[in-house]
PDB file of all heavy atoms in Angstrom:
ATOM      1  N   LEU A   1     106.939 130.165 110.022  1.00  0.00           N
ATOM      2  CA  LEU A   1     108.317 129.670 110.000  1.00  0.00           C
ATOM      3  C   LEU A   1     108.957 129.938 111.354  1.00  0.00           C
ATOM      4  O   LEU A   1     108.785 131.023 111.917  1.00  0.00           O
ATOM      5  CB  LEU A   1     109.102 130.395 108.906  1.00  0.00           C
ATOM      6  CG  LEU A   1     110.604 130.123 108.791  1.00  0.00           C
ATOM      7  CD1 LEU A   1     110.857 128.714 108.275  1.00  0.00           C
ATOM      8  CD2 LEU A   1     111.254 131.153 107.856  1.00  0.00           C
ATOM      9  N   ALA A   2     109.673 128.958 111.896  1.00  0.00           N
ATOM     10  CA  ALA A   2     110.363 129.117 113.178  1.00  0.00           C
ATOM     11  C   ALA A   2     111.852 128.858 112.999  1.00  0.00           C
ATOM     12  O   ALA A   2     112.254 127.848 112.404  1.00  0.00           O
ATOM     13  CB  ALA A   2     109.789 128.163 114.216  1.00  0.00           C
ATOM     14  N   LEU A   3     112.673 129.772 113.506  1.00  0.00           N
ATOM     15  CA  LEU A   3     114.128 129.631 113.488  1.00  0.00           C
ATOM     16  C   LEU A   3     114.616 129.413 114.911  1.00  0.00           C
ATOM     17  O   LEU A   3     114.354 130.241 115.792  1.00  0.00           O
ATOM     18  CB  LEU A   3     114.788 130.888 112.909  1.00  0.00           C
ATOM     19  CG  LEU A   3     114.202 131.477 111.621  1.00  0.00           C
ATOM     20  CD1 LEU A   3     114.999 132.694 111.184  1.00  0.00           C
ATOM     21  CD2 LEU A   3     114.155 130.437 110.509  1.00  0.00           C
ATOM     22  N   ILE A   4     115.308 128.303 115.141  1.00  0.00           N
ATOM     23  CA  ILE A   4     115.768 127.976 116.490  1.00  0.00           C
ATOM     24  C   ILE A   4     117.241 128.359 116.629  1.00  0.00           C
ATOM     25  O   ILE A   4     118.121 127.709 116.070  1.00  0.00           O
ATOM     26  CB  ILE A   4     115.567 126.484 116.789  1.00  0.00           C
ATOM     27  CG1 ILE A   4     114.066 126.159 116.773  1.00  0.00           C
ATOM     28  CG2 ILE A   4     116.182 126.114 118.132  1.00  0.00           C
ATOM     29  CD1 ILE A   4     113.741 124.701 117.010  1.00  0.00           C
ATOM     30  N   GLN A   5     117.487 129.435 117.354  1.00  0.00           N
ATOM     31  CA  GLN A   5     118.855 129.883 117.618  1.00  0.00           C
ATOM     32  C   GLN A   5     119.326 129.199 118.895  1.00  0.00           C
ATOM     33  O   GLN A   5     119.102 129.669 120.004  1.00  0.00           O
ATOM     34  CB  GLN A   5     118.903 131.409 117.727  1.00  0.00           C
ATOM     35  CG  GLN A   5     120.321 131.950 117.899  1.00  0.00           C
ATOM     36  CD  GLN A   5     120.418 133.426 117.636  1.00  0.00           C
ATOM     37  OE1 GLN A   5     120.317 133.882 116.487  1.00  0.00           O
ATOM     38  NE2 GLN A   5     120.611 134.208 118.681  1.00  0.00           N
ATOM     39  N   LEU A   6     119.973 128.064 118.723  1.00  0.00           N
ATOM     40  CA  LEU A   6     120.293 127.144 119.815  1.00  0.00           C
ATOM     41  C   LEU A   6     121.655 127.450 120.439  1.00  0.00           C
ATOM     42  O   LEU A   6     122.617 127.747 119.734  1.00  0.00           O
ATOM     43  CB  LEU A   6     120.290 125.715 119.264  1.00  0.00           C
ATOM     44  CG  LEU A   6     120.517 124.565 120.236  1.00  0.00           C
ATOM     45  CD1 LEU A   6     119.271 124.354 121.096  1.00  0.00           C
ATOM     46  CD2 LEU A   6     120.850 123.283 119.469  1.00  0.00           C
ATOM     47  N   HIS A   7     121.721 127.356 121.762  1.00  0.00           N
ATOM     48  CA  HIS A   7     123.018 127.382 122.440  1.00  0.00           C
ATOM     49  C   HIS A   7     123.624 125.987 122.342  1.00  0.00           C
ATOM     50  O   HIS A   7     123.048 125.015 122.820  1.00  0.00           O
ATOM     51  CB  HIS A   7     122.863 127.784 123.905  1.00  0.00           C
ATOM     52  CG  HIS A   7     124.170 127.739 124.660  1.00  0.00           C
ATOM     53  ND1 HIS A   7     125.115 128.732 124.559  1.00  0.00           N
ATOM     54  CD2 HIS A   7     124.697 126.797 125.485  1.00  0.00           C
ATOM     55  CE1 HIS A   7     126.161 128.410 125.303  1.00  0.00           C
ATOM     56  NE2 HIS A   7     125.933 127.251 125.870  1.00  0.00           N
ATOM     57  N   VAL A   8     124.781 125.887 121.704  1.00  0.00           N
ATOM     58  CA  VAL A   8     125.413 124.592 121.434  1.00  0.00           C
ATOM     59  C   VAL A   8     126.524 124.333 122.440  1.00  0.00           C
ATOM     60  O   VAL A   8     127.414 125.168 122.640  1.00  0.00           O
ATOM     61  CB  VAL A   8     125.976 124.552 120.003  1.00  0.00           C
ATOM     62  CG1 VAL A   8     126.651 123.215 119.724  1.00  0.00           C
ATOM     63  CG2 VAL A   8     124.866 124.815 118.988  1.00  0.00           C
ATOM     64  N   SER A   9     126.475 123.147 123.072  1.00  0.00           N
ATOM     65  CA  SER A   9     127.512 122.752 124.026  1.00  0.00           C
ATOM     66  C   SER A   9     128.400 121.679 123.403  1.00  0.00           C
ATOM     67  O   SER A   9     128.201 121.265 122.254  1.00  0.00           O
ATOM     68  CB  SER A   9     126.870 122.223 125.304  1.00  0.00           C
ATOM     69  OG  SER A   9     126.360 120.909 125.094  1.00  0.00           O
ATOM     70  N   ALA A  10     129.355 121.185 124.170  1.00  0.00           N
ATOM     71  CA  ALA A  10     130.253 120.132 123.693  1.00  0.00           C
ATOM     72  C   ALA A  10     129.645 118.749 123.863  1.00  0.00           C
ATOM     73  O   ALA A  10     130.254 117.754 123.446  1.00  0.00           O
ATOM     74  CB  ALA A  10     131.588 120.221 124.432  1.00  0.00           C
ATOM     75  N   VAL A  11     128.448 118.669 124.463  1.00  0.00           N
ATOM     76  CA  VAL A  11     127.819 117.369 124.734  1.00  0.00           C
ATOM     77  C   VAL A  11     126.718 117.136 123.699  1.00  0.00           C
ATOM     78  O   VAL A  11     125.661 117.767 123.739  1.00  0.00           O
ATOM     79  CB  VAL A  11     127.230 117.318 126.163  1.00  0.00           C
ATOM     80  CG1 VAL A  11     126.642 115.936 126.445  1.00  0.00           C
ATOM     81  CG2 VAL A  11     128.319 117.649 127.185  1.00  0.00           C
ATOM     82  N   LYS A  12     126.973 116.221 122.773  1.00  0.00           N
ATOM     83  CA  LYS A  12     126.048 115.992 121.663  1.00  0.00           C
ATOM     84  C   LYS A  12     124.649 115.617 122.138  1.00  0.00           C
ATOM     85  O   LYS A  12     123.650 116.133 121.634  1.00  0.00           O
ATOM     86  CB  LYS A  12     126.591 114.901 120.742  1.00  0.00           C
ATOM     87  CG  LYS A  12     125.717 114.661 119.514  1.00  0.00           C
ATOM     88  CD  LYS A  12     126.170 113.444 118.713  1.00  0.00           C
ATOM     89  CE  LYS A  12     127.480 113.671 118.029  1.00  0.00           C
ATOM     90  NZ  LYS A  12     127.820 112.564 117.096  1.00  0.00           N
ATOM     91  N   SER A  13     124.559 114.733 123.122  1.00  0.00           N
ATOM     92  CA  SER A  13     123.247 114.275 123.591  1.00  0.00           C
ATOM     93  C   SER A  13     122.434 115.434 124.165  1.00  0.00           C
ATOM     94  O   SER A  13     121.210 115.504 123.977  1.00  0.00           O
ATOM     95  CB  SER A  13     123.403 113.174 124.636  1.00  0.00           C
ATOM     96  OG  SER A  13     124.171 113.622 125.751  1.00  0.00           O
ATOM     97  N   ASP A  14     123.095 116.340 124.884  1.00  0.00           N
ATOM     98  CA  ASP A  14     122.396 117.516 125.418  1.00  0.00           C
ATOM     99  C   ASP A  14     121.891 118.413 124.291  1.00  0.00           C
ATOM    100  O   ASP A  14     120.768 118.938 124.350  1.00  0.00           O
ATOM    101  CB  ASP A  14     123.322 118.318 126.338  1.00  0.00           C
ATOM    102  CG  ASP A  14     123.608 117.612 127.649  1.00  0.00           C
ATOM    103  OD1 ASP A  14     122.950 116.574 127.917  1.00  0.00           O
ATOM    104  OD2 ASP A  14     124.490 118.072 128.394  1.00  0.00           O
ATOM    105  N   ASN A  15     122.727 118.606 123.276  1.00  0.00           N
ATOM    106  CA  ASN A  15     122.325 119.442 122.143  1.00  0.00           C
ATOM    107  C   ASN A  15     121.106 118.861 121.442  1.00  0.00           C
ATOM    108  O   ASN A  15     120.166 119.581 121.100  1.00  0.00           O
ATOM    109  CB  ASN A  15     123.484 119.558 121.142  1.00  0.00           C
ATOM    110  CG  ASN A  15     124.680 120.295 121.712  1.00  0.00           C
ATOM    111  OD1 ASN A  15     124.533 121.162 122.571  1.00  0.00           O
ATOM    112  ND2 ASN A  15     125.864 119.956 121.229  1.00  0.00           N
ATOM    113  N   LEU A  16     121.120 117.548 121.227  1.00  0.00           N
ATOM    114  CA  LEU A  16     119.998 116.890 120.561  1.00  0.00           C
ATOM    115  C   LEU A  16     118.719 117.000 121.376  1.00  0.00           C
ATOM    116  O   LEU A  16     117.646 117.282 120.846  1.00  0.00           O
ATOM    117  CB  LEU A  16     120.331 115.413 120.307  1.00  0.00           C
ATOM    118  CG  LEU A  16     121.337 115.120 119.197  1.00  0.00           C
ATOM    119  CD1 LEU A  16     121.753 113.656 119.222  1.00  0.00           C
ATOM    120  CD2 LEU A  16     120.737 115.477 117.839  1.00  0.00           C
ATOM    121  N   GLN A  17     118.846 116.780 122.689  1.00  0.00           N
ATOM    122  CA  GLN A  17     117.673 116.832 123.559  1.00  0.00           C
ATOM    123  C   GLN A  17     117.072 118.235 123.583  1.00  0.00           C
ATOM    124  O   GLN A  17     115.852 118.404 123.474  1.00  0.00           O
ATOM    125  CB  GLN A  17     118.051 116.387 124.974  1.00  0.00           C
ATOM    126  CG  GLN A  17     116.876 116.354 125.940  1.00  0.00           C
ATOM    127  CD  GLN A  17     117.277 115.845 127.315  1.00  0.00           C
ATOM    128  OE1 GLN A  17     118.444 115.597 127.589  1.00  0.00           O
ATOM    129  NE2 GLN A  17     116.305 115.692 128.198  1.00  0.00           N
ATOM    130  N   ARG A  18     117.929 119.242 123.713  1.00  0.00           N
ATOM    131  CA  ARG A  18     117.427 120.614 123.790  1.00  0.00           C
ATOM    132  C   ARG A  18     116.846 121.047 122.440  1.00  0.00           C
ATOM    133  O   ARG A  18     115.815 121.721 122.380  1.00  0.00           O
ATOM    134  CB  ARG A  18     118.540 121.556 124.233  1.00  0.00           C
ATOM    135  CG  ARG A  18     118.042 122.947 124.597  1.00  0.00           C
ATOM    136  CD  ARG A  18     119.026 123.735 125.433  1.00  0.00           C
ATOM    137  NE  ARG A  18     120.279 123.975 124.734  1.00  0.00           N
ATOM    138  CZ  ARG A  18     121.403 123.319 124.985  1.00  0.00           C
ATOM    139  NH1 ARG A  18     121.422 122.380 125.913  1.00  0.00           N
ATOM    140  NH2 ARG A  18     122.504 123.591 124.322  1.00  0.00           N
ATOM    141  N   ALA A  19     117.504 120.645 121.356  1.00  0.00           N
ATOM    142  CA  ALA A  19     117.000 120.994 120.028  1.00  0.00           C
ATOM    143  C   ALA A  19     115.620 120.402 119.797  1.00  0.00           C
ATOM    144  O   ALA A  19     114.704 121.101 119.334  1.00  0.00           O
ATOM    145  CB  ALA A  19     117.977 120.515 118.957  1.00  0.00           C
ATOM    146  N   CYS A  20     115.451 119.141 120.137  1.00  0.00           N
ATOM    147  CA  CYS A  20     114.149 118.494 119.934  1.00  0.00           C
ATOM    148  C   CYS A  20     113.074 119.132 120.808  1.00  0.00           C
ATOM    149  O   CYS A  20     111.917 119.283 120.385  1.00  0.00           O
ATOM    150  CB  CYS A  20     114.251 116.993 120.213  1.00  0.00           C
ATOM    151  SG  CYS A  20     115.180 116.085 118.949  1.00  0.00           S
ATOM    152  N   GLY A  21     113.448 119.551 122.015  1.00  0.00           N
ATOM    153  CA  GLY A  21     112.497 120.224 122.890  1.00  0.00           C
ATOM    154  C   GLY A  21     112.031 121.547 122.306  1.00  0.00           C
ATOM    155  O   GLY A  21     110.834 121.872 122.352  1.00  0.00           O
ATOM    156  N   LEU A  22     112.951 122.301 121.717  1.00  0.00           N
ATOM    157  CA  LEU A  22     112.588 123.583 121.116  1.00  0.00           C
ATOM    158  C   LEU A  22     111.795 123.392 119.821  1.00  0.00           C
ATOM    159  O   LEU A  22     110.932 124.211 119.489  1.00  0.00           O
ATOM    160  CB  LEU A  22     113.846 124.408 120.858  1.00  0.00           C
ATOM    161  CG  LEU A  22     114.527 124.952 122.123  1.00  0.00           C
ATOM    162  CD1 LEU A  22     115.881 125.564 121.792  1.00  0.00           C
ATOM    163  CD2 LEU A  22     113.642 125.968 122.836  1.00  0.00           C
ATOM    164  N   VAL A  23     112.071 122.311 119.101  1.00  0.00           N
ATOM    165  CA  VAL A  23     111.268 121.989 117.912  1.00  0.00           C
ATOM    166  C   VAL A  23     109.816 121.733 118.322  1.00  0.00           C
ATOM    167  O   VAL A  23     108.876 122.221 117.687  1.00  0.00           O
ATOM    168  CB  VAL A  23     111.848 120.771 117.169  1.00  0.00           C
ATOM    169  CG1 VAL A  23     110.860 120.271 116.113  1.00  0.00           C
ATOM    170  CG2 VAL A  23     113.178 121.122 116.521  1.00  0.00           C
ATOM    171  N   ARG A  24     109.633 120.969 119.396  1.00  0.00           N
ATOM    172  CA  ARG A  24     108.274 120.700 119.885  1.00  0.00           C
ATOM    173  C   ARG A  24     107.579 121.999 120.312  1.00  0.00           C
ATOM    174  O   ARG A  24     106.391 122.193 120.052  1.00  0.00           O
ATOM    175  CB  ARG A  24     108.331 119.716 121.062  1.00  0.00           C
ATOM    176  CG  ARG A  24     108.797 118.308 120.671  1.00  0.00           C
ATOM    177  CD  ARG A  24     108.723 117.355 121.856  1.00  0.00           C
ATOM    178  NE  ARG A  24     109.216 116.035 121.474  1.00  0.00           N
ATOM    179  CZ  ARG A  24     110.452 115.578 121.716  1.00  0.00           C
ATOM    180  NH1 ARG A  24     111.330 116.369 122.346  1.00  0.00           N
ATOM    181  NH2 ARG A  24     110.809 114.376 121.320  1.00  0.00           N
ATOM    182  N   GLU A  25     108.334 122.871 120.949  1.00  0.00           N
ATOM    183  CA  GLU A  25     107.770 124.160 121.378  1.00  0.00           C
ATOM    184  C   GLU A  25     107.332 124.977 120.175  1.00  0.00           C
ATOM    185  O   GLU A  25     106.248 125.574 120.171  1.00  0.00           O
ATOM    186  CB  GLU A  25     108.827 124.931 122.176  1.00  0.00           C
ATOM    187  CG  GLU A  25     108.415 126.337 122.585  1.00  0.00           C
ATOM    188  CD  GLU A  25     109.547 127.105 123.236  1.00  0.00           C
ATOM    189  OE1 GLU A  25     110.201 126.532 124.148  1.00  0.00           O
ATOM    190  OE2 GLU A  25     109.801 128.256 122.824  1.00  0.00           O
ATOM    191  N   ALA A  26     108.160 125.005 119.137  1.00  0.00           N
ATOM    192  CA  ALA A  26     107.823 125.765 117.935  1.00  0.00           C
ATOM    193  C   ALA A  26     106.587 125.193 117.253  1.00  0.00           C
ATOM    194  O   ALA A  26     105.714 125.927 116.789  1.00  0.00           O
ATOM    195  CB  ALA A  26     109.012 125.771 116.974  1.00  0.00           C
ATOM    196  N   SER A  27     106.511 123.876 117.207  1.00  0.00           N
ATOM    197  CA  SER A  27     105.347 123.228 116.601  1.00  0.00           C
ATOM    198  C   SER A  27     104.079 123.556 117.369  1.00  0.00           C
ATOM    199  O   SER A  27     103.028 123.831 116.784  1.00  0.00           O
ATOM    200  CB  SER A  27     105.557 121.712 116.556  1.00  0.00           C
ATOM    201  OG  SER A  27     104.392 121.045 116.156  1.00  0.00           O
ATOM    202  N   ALA A  28     104.178 123.552 118.702  1.00  0.00           N
ATOM    203  CA  ALA A  28     103.012 123.858 119.532  1.00  0.00           C
ATOM    204  C   ALA A  28     102.522 125.289 119.313  1.00  0.00           C
ATOM    205  O   ALA A  28     101.345 125.590 119.541  1.00  0.00           O
ATOM    206  CB  ALA A  28     103.362 123.648 121.001  1.00  0.00           C
ATOM    207  N   LYS A  29     103.411 126.157 118.829  1.00  0.00           N
ATOM    208  CA  LYS A  29     103.038 127.545 118.563  1.00  0.00           C
ATOM    209  C   LYS A  29     102.675 127.772 117.091  1.00  0.00           C
ATOM    210  O   LYS A  29     102.628 128.914 116.630  1.00  0.00           O
ATOM    211  CB  LYS A  29     104.173 128.479 118.992  1.00  0.00           C
ATOM    212  CG  LYS A  29     104.373 128.496 120.508  1.00  0.00           C
ATOM    213  CD  LYS A  29     105.417 129.512 120.926  1.00  0.00           C
ATOM    214  CE  LYS A  29     105.564 129.542 122.456  1.00  0.00           C
ATOM    215  NZ  LYS A  29     106.572 130.533 122.900  1.00  0.00           N
ATOM    216  N   GLY A  30     102.454 126.683 116.379  1.00  0.00           N
ATOM    217  CA  GLY A  30     101.904 126.794 115.040  1.00  0.00           C
ATOM    218  C   GLY A  30     102.887 126.798 113.897  1.00  0.00           C
ATOM    219  O   GLY A  30     102.489 126.984 112.736  1.00  0.00           O
ATOM    220  N   ALA A  31     104.175 126.591 114.170  1.00  0.00           N
ATOM    221  CA  ALA A  31     105.159 126.591 113.086  1.00  0.00           C
ATOM    222  C   ALA A  31     104.980 125.357 112.211  1.00  0.00           C
ATOM    223  O   ALA A  31     104.805 124.243 112.709  1.00  0.00           O
ATOM    224  CB  ALA A  31     106.574 126.631 113.654  1.00  0.00           C
ATOM    225  N   LYS A  32     105.017 125.555 110.901  1.00  0.00           N
ATOM    226  CA  LYS A  32     104.897 124.456 109.936  1.00  0.00           C
ATOM    227  C   LYS A  32     106.248 124.057 109.357  1.00  0.00           C
ATOM    228  O   LYS A  32     106.429 122.926 108.912  1.00  0.00           O
ATOM    229  CB  LYS A  32     103.955 124.860 108.801  1.00  0.00           C
ATOM    230  CG  LYS A  32     102.547 125.218 109.263  1.00  0.00           C
ATOM    231  CD  LYS A  32     101.886 124.047 109.981  1.00  0.00           C
ATOM    232  CE  LYS A  32     100.455 124.394 110.375  1.00  0.00           C
ATOM    233  NZ  LYS A  32      99.823 123.288 111.147  1.00  0.00           N
ATOM    234  N   VAL A  33     107.175 125.022 109.331  1.00  0.00           N
ATOM    235  CA  VAL A  33     108.551 124.764 108.904  1.00  0.00           C
ATOM    236  C   VAL A  33     109.462 125.259 110.024  1.00  0.00           C
ATOM    237  O   VAL A  33     109.373 126.424 110.430  1.00  0.00           O
ATOM    238  CB  VAL A  33     108.888 125.486 107.587  1.00  0.00           C
ATOM    239  CG1 VAL A  33     110.338 125.211 107.184  1.00  0.00           C
ATOM    240  CG2 VAL A  33     107.936 125.052 106.469  1.00  0.00           C
ATOM    241  N   VAL A  34     110.327 124.375 110.522  1.00  0.00           N
ATOM    242  CA  VAL A  34     111.202 124.697 111.648  1.00  0.00           C
ATOM    243  C   VAL A  34     112.643 124.462 111.220  1.00  0.00           C
ATOM    244  O   VAL A  34     112.952 123.449 110.580  1.00  0.00           O
ATOM    245  CB  VAL A  34     110.864 123.840 112.883  1.00  0.00           C
ATOM    246  CG1 VAL A  34     111.782 124.194 114.049  1.00  0.00           C
ATOM    247  CG2 VAL A  34     109.400 124.025 113.283  1.00  0.00           C
ATOM    248  N   VAL A  35     113.526 125.405 111.566  1.00  0.00           N
ATOM    249  CA  VAL A  35     114.912 125.335 111.107  1.00  0.00           C
ATOM    250  C   VAL A  35     115.865 125.395 112.299  1.00  0.00           C
ATOM    251  O   VAL A  35     115.732 126.257 113.172  1.00  0.00           O
ATOM    252  CB  VAL A  35     115.245 126.489 110.141  1.00  0.00           C
ATOM    253  CG1 VAL A  35     116.612 126.254 109.485  1.00  0.00           C
ATOM    254  CG2 VAL A  35     114.165 126.642 109.080  1.00  0.00           C
ATOM    255  N   LEU A  36     116.837 124.477 112.310  1.00  0.00           N
ATOM    256  CA  LEU A  36     117.907 124.468 113.305  1.00  0.00           C
ATOM    257  C   LEU A  36     119.158 125.132 112.709  1.00  0.00           C
ATOM    258  O   LEU A  36     119.309 125.207 111.488  1.00  0.00           O
ATOM    259  CB  LEU A  36     118.224 123.031 113.720  1.00  0.00           C
ATOM    260  CG  LEU A  36     117.149 122.337 114.561  1.00  0.00           C
ATOM    261  CD1 LEU A  36     117.371 120.832 114.589  1.00  0.00           C
ATOM    262  CD2 LEU A  36     117.134 122.898 115.978  1.00  0.00           C
ATOM    263  N   PRO A  37     120.075 125.596 113.564  1.00  0.00           N
ATOM    264  CA  PRO A  37     121.245 126.315 113.054  1.00  0.00           C
ATOM    265  C   PRO A  37     122.321 125.393 112.494  1.00  0.00           C
ATOM    266  O   PRO A  37     122.279 124.171 112.677  1.00  0.00           O
ATOM    267  CB  PRO A  37     121.772 127.033 114.302  1.00  0.00           C
ATOM    268  CG  PRO A  37     121.374 126.154 115.428  1.00  0.00           C
ATOM    269  CD  PRO A  37     120.030 125.585 115.038  1.00  0.00           C
TER     270      PRO A  37
END
């Protein structure tokens, strides 16, 4: 299980891009269930 503690900004597109990048990172490290805040 991976929990992504994301730094959230006022720019939605930046938040989405960074969140998806960290999801990919978690998946590459073997996470099967990934959770965003």
